[in-house]
Amino acid sequence: MYTEAAFLSGIGPGELVLIFLVLLLVFGPRLPEVGRSLGIGIKEFKDGLKGEQPHPKSSADAPQTTSERQENEQHQTTERPG
């Protein structure tokens, strides 16, 4: 009977290091991007389980305070061409 333990019994620490080095050479340049994507995905998954809204990515996406909204409205009314 073929089991996972029988498969792993033939691989020693030297072979595991060699496999790791080959994977590192192949996927090395993309590892930061993959790690970032995994981190964002895990965070969104946890937030989804909690029922929270996603966090804004920039200050432009962040909700404005009442004073900021009033200030923006004043700038928009004074900048209109007449």
C-alpha atoms as a PDB file:
ATOM      1  CA  MET A   1       0.000   0.000   0.000  1.00  0.00           C
ATOM      2  CA  TYR A   2       1.381   3.424  -1.008  1.00  0.00           C
ATOM      3  CA  THR A   3       1.407   5.910   1.847  1.00  0.00           C
ATOM      4  CA  GLU A   4       2.780   9.375   2.283  1.00  0.00           C
ATOM      5  CA  ALA A   5       5.199   8.201   4.993  1.00  0.00           C
ATOM      6  CA  ALA A   6       6.734   5.658   2.608  1.00  0.00           C
ATOM      7  CA  PHE A   7       7.279   8.398   0.020  1.00  0.00           C
ATOM      8  CA  LEU A   8       9.005  10.710   2.485  1.00  0.00           C
ATOM      9  CA  SER A   9      11.202   7.984   3.966  1.00  0.00           C
ATOM     10  CA  GLY A  10      13.418   8.013   0.858  1.00  0.00           C
ATOM     11  CA  ILE A  11      14.138  11.763   1.035  1.00  0.00           C
ATOM     12  CA  GLY A  12      16.922  12.850   3.347  1.00  0.00           C
ATOM     13  CA  PRO A  13      17.936  16.295   4.585  1.00  0.00           C
ATOM     14  CA  GLY A  14      20.379  16.756   1.703  1.00  0.00           C
ATOM     15  CA  GLU A  15      17.684  16.158  -0.885  1.00  0.00           C
ATOM     16  CA  LEU A  16      15.295  18.519   0.910  1.00  0.00           C
ATOM     17  CA  VAL A  17      17.927  21.275   0.881  1.00  0.00           C
ATOM     18  CA  LEU A  18      18.560  20.677  -2.828  1.00  0.00           C
ATOM     19  CA  ILE A  19      14.831  20.842  -3.623  1.00  0.00           C
ATOM     20  CA  PHE A  20      14.530  24.032  -1.567  1.00  0.00           C
ATOM     21  CA  LEU A  21      17.448  25.662  -3.421  1.00  0.00           C
ATOM     22  CA  VAL A  22      16.002  24.775  -6.832  1.00  0.00           C
ATOM     23  CA  LEU A  23      12.617  26.206  -5.820  1.00  0.00           C
ATOM     24  CA  LEU A  24      14.329  29.329  -4.507  1.00  0.00           C
ATOM     25  CA  LEU A  25      16.187  29.839  -7.797  1.00  0.00           C
ATOM     26  CA  VAL A  26      13.037  29.348  -9.864  1.00  0.00           C
ATOM     27  CA  PHE A  27      10.610  31.387  -7.756  1.00  0.00           C
ATOM     28  CA  GLY A  28      13.049  33.736  -5.978  1.00  0.00           C
ATOM     29  CA  PRO A  29      12.299  36.954  -7.876  1.00  0.00           C
ATOM     30  CA  ARG A  30       8.563  36.506  -7.346  1.00  0.00           C
ATOM     31  CA  LEU A  31       8.667  35.585  -3.643  1.00  0.00           C
ATOM     32  CA  PRO A  32       8.038  39.119  -2.274  1.00  0.00           C
ATOM     33  CA  GLU A  33       5.012  39.514  -4.543  1.00  0.00           C
ATOM     34  CA  VAL A  34       3.677  36.074  -3.605  1.00  0.00           C
ATOM     35  CA  GLY A  35       4.169  36.772   0.100  1.00  0.00           C
ATOM     36  CA  ARG A  36       2.426  40.127  -0.171  1.00  0.00           C
ATOM     37  CA  SER A  37      -0.498  38.585  -2.046  1.00  0.00           C
ATOM     38  CA  LEU A  38      -0.820  35.801   0.509  1.00  0.00           C
ATOM     39  CA  GLY A  39      -0.749  38.290   3.380  1.00  0.00           C
ATOM     40  CA  ILE A  40      -3.429  40.472   1.813  1.00  0.00           C
ATOM     41  CA  GLY A  41      -5.579  37.439   1.033  1.00  0.00           C
ATOM     42  CA  ILE A  42      -5.323  36.071   4.568  1.00  0.00           C
ATOM     43  CA  LYS A  43      -6.130  39.491   6.045  1.00  0.00           C
ATOM     44  CA  GLU A  44      -9.184  39.908   3.813  1.00  0.00           C
ATOM     45  CA  PHE A  45     -10.323  36.389   4.690  1.00  0.00           C
ATOM     46  CA  LYS A  46     -10.055  37.092   8.428  1.00  0.00           C
ATOM     47  CA  ASP A  47     -11.845  40.423   8.028  1.00  0.00           C
ATOM     48  CA  GLY A  48     -14.584  38.648   6.087  1.00  0.00           C
ATOM     49  CA  LEU A  49     -15.035  36.133   8.880  1.00  0.00           C
ATOM     50  CA  LYS A  50     -15.327  38.968  11.396  1.00  0.00           C
ATOM     51  CA  GLY A  51     -17.726  40.870   9.150  1.00  0.00           C
ATOM     52  CA  GLU A  52     -15.486  43.942   8.925  1.00  0.00           C
ATOM     53  CA  GLN A  53     -15.189  46.195   5.908  1.00  0.00           C
ATOM     54  CA  PRO A  54     -11.870  46.204   4.013  1.00  0.00           C
ATOM     55  CA  HIS A  55      -9.414  48.897   5.065  1.00  0.00           C
ATOM     56  CA  PRO A  56      -8.842  51.778   2.636  1.00  0.00           C
ATOM     57  CA  LYS A  57      -5.616  51.450   0.651  1.00  0.00           C
ATOM     58  CA  SER A  58      -4.885  55.162   0.446  1.00  0.00           C
ATOM     59  CA  SER A  59      -5.911  58.363   2.130  1.00  0.00           C
ATOM     60  CA  ALA A  60      -8.032  59.262  -0.918  1.00  0.00           C
ATOM     61  CA  ASP A  61     -10.200  56.204  -0.262  1.00  0.00           C
ATOM     62  CA  ALA A  62     -10.497  56.894   3.467  1.00  0.00           C
ATOM     63  CA  PRO A  63     -13.748  58.369   4.760  1.00  0.00           C
ATOM     64  CA  GLN A  64     -13.534  62.097   5.344  1.00  0.00           C
ATOM     65  CA  THR A  65     -14.366  63.895   8.555  1.00  0.00           C
ATOM     66  CA  THR A  66     -17.108  66.500   8.565  1.00  0.00           C
ATOM     67  CA  SER A  67     -14.630  69.391   8.529  1.00  0.00           C
ATOM     68  CA  GLU A  68     -12.724  67.879   5.568  1.00  0.00           C
ATOM     69  CA  ARG A  69     -15.963  67.469   3.617  1.00  0.00           C
ATOM     70  CA  GLN A  70     -17.004  71.060   4.310  1.00  0.00           C
ATOM     71  CA  GLU A  71     -13.560  72.295   3.281  1.00  0.00           C
ATOM     72  CA  ASN A  72     -13.712  70.324   0.010  1.00  0.00           C
ATOM     73  CA  GLU A  73     -17.200  71.662  -0.735  1.00  0.00           C
ATOM     74  CA  GLN A  74     -15.990  75.230  -0.189  1.00  0.00           C
ATOM     75  CA  HIS A  75     -13.060  74.704  -2.567  1.00  0.00           C
ATOM     76  CA  GLN A  76     -15.345  73.213  -5.198  1.00  0.00           C
ATOM     77  CA  THR A  77     -17.786  76.130  -5.071  1.00  0.00           C
ATOM     78  CA  THR A  78     -15.011  78.751  -5.305  1.00  0.00           C
ATOM     79  CA  GLU A  79     -13.235  76.985  -8.187  1.00  0.00           C
ATOM     80  CA  ARG A  80     -16.229  76.837 -10.534  1.00  0.00           C
ATOM     81  CA  PRO A  81     -15.762  78.922 -13.685  1.00  0.00           C
ATOM     82  CA  GLY A  82     -18.229  81.753 -13.906  1.00  0.00           C
END
